[in-house]
Every structure is written in C-alpha cells, then in structure tokens.
C-alpha atoms as a PDB file:
ATOM      1  CA  UNK A   1      72.125 -35.502  13.014  1.00  0.00           C
ATOM      2  CA  UNK A   2      72.005 -33.196   9.712  1.00  0.00           C
ATOM      3  CA  UNK A   3      74.788 -33.338   6.834  1.00  0.00           C
ATOM      4  CA  UNK A   4      75.206 -29.429   7.839  1.00  0.00           C
ATOM      5  CA  UNK A   5      75.730 -30.002  11.363  1.00  0.00           C
ATOM      6  CA  UNK A   6      78.639 -32.726  10.897  1.00  0.00           C
ATOM      7  CA  UNK A   7      82.080 -31.960  11.358  1.00  0.00           C
ATOM      8  CA  UNK A   8      83.801 -30.499   8.064  1.00  0.00           C
ATOM      9  CA  UNK A   9      86.621 -33.105   8.280  1.00  0.00           C
ATOM     10  CA  UNK A  10      86.237 -36.950   7.550  1.00  0.00           C
ATOM     11  CA  UNK A  11      89.137 -37.273   9.938  1.00  0.00           C
ATOM     12  CA  UNK A  12      87.259 -35.661  12.649  1.00  0.00           C
ATOM     13  CA  UNK A  13      84.540 -38.571  12.171  1.00  0.00           C
ATOM     14  CA  UNK A  14      86.774 -41.354  12.612  1.00  0.00           C
ATOM     15  CA  UNK A  15      87.520 -43.174  15.631  1.00  0.00           C
ATOM     16  CA  UNK A  16      90.667 -42.038  17.421  1.00  0.00           C
ATOM     17  CA  UNK A  17      93.780 -44.265  16.660  1.00  0.00           C
ATOM     18  CA  UNK A  18      95.694 -46.130  19.632  1.00  0.00           C
ATOM     19  CA  UNK A  19      98.427 -43.314  19.368  1.00  0.00           C
ATOM     20  CA  UNK A  20      95.969 -40.637  19.538  1.00  0.00           C
ATOM     21  CA  UNK A  21      93.953 -42.294  22.583  1.00  0.00           C
ATOM     22  CA  UNK A  22      97.613 -42.558  24.218  1.00  0.00           C
ATOM     23  CA  UNK A  23      98.220 -38.806  23.438  1.00  0.00           C
ATOM     24  CA  UNK A  24      94.846 -38.036  25.213  1.00  0.00           C
ATOM     25  CA  UNK A  25      95.938 -39.973  28.456  1.00  0.00           C
ATOM     26  CA  UNK A  26      99.259 -38.315  28.260  1.00  0.00           C
ATOM     27  CA  UNK A  27      97.520 -35.200  28.112  1.00  0.00           C
ATOM     28  CA  UNK A  28      95.397 -35.711  31.058  1.00  0.00           C
ATOM     29  CA  UNK A  29      98.681 -36.304  33.285  1.00  0.00           C
ATOM     30  CA  UNK A  30      98.264 -34.180  36.560  1.00  0.00           C
ATOM     31  CA  UNK A  31      94.844 -32.979  35.746  1.00  0.00           C
ATOM     32  CA  UNK A  32      91.641 -33.626  37.690  1.00  0.00           C
ATOM     33  CA  UNK A  33      90.861 -36.444  35.191  1.00  0.00           C
ATOM     34  CA  UNK A  34      93.924 -38.339  36.176  1.00  0.00           C
ATOM     35  CA  UNK A  35      93.158 -37.867  39.934  1.00  0.00           C
ATOM     36  CA  UNK A  36      89.613 -39.149  39.403  1.00  0.00           C
ATOM     37  CA  UNK A  37      91.143 -42.421  37.604  1.00  0.00           C
ATOM     38  CA  UNK A  38      89.205 -41.384  34.323  1.00  0.00           C
ATOM     39  CA  UNK A  39      90.431 -43.519  31.308  1.00  0.00           C
ATOM     40  CA  UNK A  40      89.230 -42.277  27.700  1.00  0.00           C
ATOM     41  CA  UNK A  41      88.383 -45.765  25.925  1.00  0.00           C
ATOM     42  CA  UNK A  42      87.012 -44.138  22.661  1.00  0.00           C
ATOM     43  CA  UNK A  43      87.117 -40.892  21.157  1.00  0.00           C
ATOM     44  CA  UNK A  44      85.761 -39.068  17.805  1.00  0.00           C
ATOM     45  CA  UNK A  45      83.715 -35.993  17.146  1.00  0.00           C
ATOM     46  CA  UNK A  46      80.352 -38.139  17.256  1.00  0.00           C
ATOM     47  CA  UNK A  47      80.941 -40.163  20.375  1.00  0.00           C
ATOM     48  CA  UNK A  48      83.448 -40.233  23.532  1.00  0.00           C
ATOM     49  CA  UNK A  49      83.384 -43.152  25.815  1.00  0.00           C
ATOM     50  CA  UNK A  50      85.492 -43.049  29.229  1.00  0.00           C
ATOM     51  CA  UNK A  51      85.229 -44.966  32.533  1.00  0.00           C
ATOM     52  CA  UNK A  52      86.024 -44.032  36.190  1.00  0.00           C
ATOM     53  CA  UNK A  53      86.240 -45.810  39.302  1.00  0.00           C
ATOM     54  CA  UNK A  54      83.792 -45.275  42.160  1.00  0.00           C
ATOM     55  CA  UNK A  55      86.331 -45.856  44.643  1.00  0.00           C
ATOM     56  CA  UNK A  56      87.893 -42.386  45.493  1.00  0.00           C
ATOM     57  CA  UNK A  57      85.039 -40.604  44.004  1.00  0.00           C
ATOM     58  CA  UNK A  58      82.428 -41.065  46.603  1.00  0.00           C
ATOM     59  CA  UNK A  59      80.655 -38.549  49.138  1.00  0.00           C
ATOM     60  CA  UNK A  60      80.495 -39.377  53.026  1.00  0.00           C
ATOM     61  CA  UNK A  61      77.891 -41.970  52.575  1.00  0.00           C
ATOM     62  CA  UNK A  62      80.015 -44.403  50.139  1.00  0.00           C
ATOM     63  CA  UNK A  63      77.923 -43.309  46.880  1.00  0.00           C
ATOM     64  CA  UNK A  64      79.460 -42.099  43.801  1.00  0.00           C
ATOM     65  CA  UNK A  65      79.472 -38.360  44.394  1.00  0.00           C
ATOM     66  CA  UNK A  66      77.176 -36.279  42.345  1.00  0.00           C
ATOM     67  CA  UNK A  67      80.062 -33.964  41.253  1.00  0.00           C
ATOM     68  CA  UNK A  68      82.093 -36.791  39.989  1.00  0.00           C
ATOM     69  CA  UNK A  69      79.295 -37.389  37.376  1.00  0.00           C
ATOM     70  CA  UNK A  70      79.546 -33.850  36.171  1.00  0.00           C
ATOM     71  CA  UNK A  71      83.410 -34.182  35.879  1.00  0.00           C
ATOM     72  CA  UNK A  72      83.387 -37.138  33.698  1.00  0.00           C
ATOM     73  CA  UNK A  73      80.431 -35.939  31.737  1.00  0.00           C
ATOM     74  CA  UNK A  74      82.230 -32.690  31.058  1.00  0.00           C
ATOM     75  CA  UNK A  75      85.358 -34.547  30.140  1.00  0.00           C
ATOM     76  CA  UNK A  76      83.846 -36.791  27.553  1.00  0.00           C
ATOM     77  CA  UNK A  77      81.618 -34.023  26.065  1.00  0.00           C
ATOM     78  CA  UNK A  78      84.848 -31.574  26.034  1.00  0.00           C
ATOM     79  CA  UNK A  79      86.907 -34.185  24.373  1.00  0.00           C
ATOM     80  CA  UNK A  80      84.345 -34.853  21.652  1.00  0.00           C
ATOM     81  CA  UNK A  81      84.086 -31.023  20.811  1.00  0.00           C
ATOM     82  CA  UNK A  82      87.531 -30.363  20.738  1.00  0.00           C
ATOM     83  CA  UNK A  83      87.933 -33.231  18.058  1.00  0.00           C
ATOM     84  CA  UNK A  84      85.004 -31.620  16.312  1.00  0.00           C
ATOM     85  CA  UNK A  85      86.456 -28.226  16.445  1.00  0.00           C
ATOM     86  CA  UNK A  86      89.504 -29.360  14.383  1.00  0.00           C
ATOM     87  CA  UNK A  87      92.893 -27.972  13.878  1.00  0.00           C
ATOM     88  CA  UNK A  88      93.788 -24.628  15.128  1.00  0.00           C
ATOM     89  CA  UNK A  89      90.687 -24.578  17.157  1.00  0.00           C
ATOM     90  CA  UNK A  90      89.442 -25.167  20.961  1.00  0.00           C
ATOM     91  CA  UNK A  91      86.340 -25.928  22.788  1.00  0.00           C
ATOM     92  CA  UNK A  92      85.121 -24.375  26.006  1.00  0.00           C
ATOM     93  CA  UNK A  93      82.400 -25.191  28.318  1.00  0.00           C
ATOM     94  CA  UNK A  94      79.234 -23.105  28.078  1.00  0.00           C
ATOM     95  CA  UNK A  95      76.655 -25.244  29.964  1.00  0.00           C
ATOM     96  CA  UNK A  96      76.472 -28.754  31.611  1.00  0.00           C
ATOM     97  CA  UNK A  97      73.637 -29.989  33.521  1.00  0.00           C
ATOM     98  CA  UNK A  98      72.929 -33.515  35.133  1.00  0.00           C
ATOM     99  CA  UNK A  99      70.198 -35.691  36.342  1.00  0.00           C
ATOM    100  CA  UNK A 100      71.262 -38.405  38.720  1.00  0.00           C
ATOM    101  CA  UNK A 101      68.853 -41.633  38.401  1.00  0.00           C
ATOM    102  CA  UNK A 102      70.568 -44.092  40.813  1.00  0.00           C
ATOM    103  CA  UNK A 103      73.656 -44.577  43.106  1.00  0.00           C
ATOM    104  CA  UNK A 104      76.853 -46.205  42.548  1.00  0.00           C
ATOM    105  CA  UNK A 105      78.733 -47.568  45.309  1.00  0.00           C
ATOM    106  CA  UNK A 106      81.574 -50.001  43.866  1.00  0.00           C
ATOM    107  CA  UNK A 107      83.226 -50.703  40.510  1.00  0.00           C
ATOM    108  CA  UNK A 108      83.407 -48.701  37.382  1.00  0.00           C
ATOM    109  CA  UNK A 109      81.120 -45.966  35.679  1.00  0.00           C
ATOM    110  CA  UNK A 110      81.158 -45.605  32.111  1.00  0.00           C
ATOM    111  CA  UNK A 111      80.315 -42.311  30.325  1.00  0.00           C
ATOM    112  CA  UNK A 112      79.268 -42.188  26.708  1.00  0.00           C
ATOM    113  CA  UNK A 113      79.019 -39.032  25.225  1.00  0.00           C
ATOM    114  CA  UNK A 114      76.923 -38.982  21.789  1.00  0.00           C
ATOM    115  CA  UNK A 115      77.004 -35.599  19.901  1.00  0.00           C
ATOM    116  CA  UNK A 116      73.566 -34.007  19.258  1.00  0.00           C
ATOM    117  CA  UNK A 117      74.849 -31.017  17.321  1.00  0.00           C
ATOM    118  CA  UNK A 118      77.935 -30.349  15.744  1.00  0.00           C
ATOM    119  CA  UNK A 119      78.259 -26.828  14.431  1.00  0.00           C
ATOM    120  CA  UNK A 120      80.799 -24.454  13.624  1.00  0.00           C
ATOM    121  CA  UNK A 121      80.437 -22.641  16.723  1.00  0.00           C
ATOM    122  CA  UNK A 122      78.816 -24.948  19.013  1.00  0.00           C
ATOM    123  CA  UNK A 123      78.923 -28.513  20.063  1.00  0.00           C
ATOM    124  CA  UNK A 124      76.193 -30.330  22.344  1.00  0.00           C
ATOM    125  CA  UNK A 125      76.333 -33.728  23.458  1.00  0.00           C
ATOM    126  CA  UNK A 126      74.100 -35.895  25.631  1.00  0.00           C
ATOM    127  CA  UNK A 127      75.946 -38.070  28.110  1.00  0.00           C
ATOM    128  CA  UNK A 128      74.876 -41.221  29.831  1.00  0.00           C
ATOM    129  CA  UNK A 129      76.640 -42.898  32.451  1.00  0.00           C
ATOM    130  CA  UNK A 130      75.983 -46.275  33.497  1.00  0.00           C
ATOM    131  CA  UNK A 131      77.134 -48.551  36.377  1.00  0.00           C
ATOM    132  CA  UNK A 132      78.933 -52.151  35.933  1.00  0.00           C
ATOM    133  CA  UNK A 133      75.594 -53.614  35.494  1.00  0.00           C
ATOM    134  CA  UNK A 134      74.653 -51.224  32.342  1.00  0.00           C
ATOM    135  CA  UNK A 135      72.195 -49.381  34.712  1.00  0.00           C
ATOM    136  CA  UNK A 136      71.677 -45.700  33.873  1.00  0.00           C
ATOM    137  CA  UNK A 137      73.340 -43.684  36.759  1.00  0.00           C
ATOM    138  CA  UNK A 138      73.100 -40.291  35.254  1.00  0.00           C
ATOM    139  CA  UNK A 139      72.206 -38.337  32.256  1.00  0.00           C
ATOM    140  CA  UNK A 140      74.007 -35.033  31.328  1.00  0.00           C
ATOM    141  CA  UNK A 141      74.005 -32.446  28.453  1.00  0.00           C
ATOM    142  CA  UNK A 142      77.259 -30.435  27.818  1.00  0.00           C
ATOM    143  CA  UNK A 143      77.413 -27.637  25.373  1.00  0.00           C
ATOM    144  CA  UNK A 144      80.867 -26.116  24.354  1.00  0.00           C
ATOM    145  CA  UNK A 145      81.665 -23.354  22.175  1.00  0.00           C
ATOM    146  CA  UNK A 146      84.450 -23.822  19.298  1.00  0.00           C
ATOM    147  CA  UNK A 147      86.876 -21.138  19.184  1.00  0.00           C
ATOM    148  CA  UNK A 148      89.730 -20.300  16.897  1.00  0.00           C
ATOM    149  CA  UNK A 149      92.987 -20.342  18.574  1.00  0.00           C
END
C-alpha cells in the first residue's frame, strides 16, 4: 500500500485494544452478526479478523450458506473501513462480491480482511475465509464509501 493510501491517523493503524474489541462486540448485540455468531478477534484499519460457526449458518444440504460468507465478509470489511474513516466519519458498503471455493460442513470459519486501498473517500478490502484446516473456502472483495457524519 502506498503512503498516500494509508489512514491519516497513527491510531487507526494500531490493532484494537481489548476494550475496543469489547466495544465492537457490544455494538453487535441484537444485530445479524450476533445472530450468526460472528466474533471479532482482531481489528485495525489494515486488517480485521473474525470467526463464525458453521452450525446454524447452513443451507438445506448442510453446507455453510454462501450468504453467510458474504455476511461475515461485509462485517470485517465494514469494521476496517469504519476504523479507517476515523472519528466523526462512517463507512457504508458500495460493492461486495464473493467466490465460493469449497464447502464447510462443521466447525468454525475465519474471515481475514486485508486493506487493498485506504483513501479519504473509499476503502477496499480483500477478504479470505478459511475453514478449521486453513483451507480457503471463499474469497470476497468489499468496497466502502467513507462519509462525514
């Protein structure tokens, strides 16, 4: 990433503290993230990691629902974009796409969003979702618009 595409504040580049992660978990109460069991493990403007159980998020054939992949991808990308936006600003999703590579039938999947571009008005993330064995199950890309409140 070029220097010009980095967030403006040094605080936005540091990983979230335990208190900040607890605040993110509190904010997700009553949301789709909570209903799907998504847990934020790590968060910064550059990288966000979350886990989600396969159980309860499957389609009728017992496979992880493709839409569940998109939900966790949007969650990790949006959290990173919101951190990149900084105080007094917010992030809204513009585009998301996903390619499903293999199925997951049980266990936990892990989504890792890595910043591709962090500008003043747009943030884009590559999201890799893996199963318990570290095998890639899905690749997604999300672009968010950064706005003033």
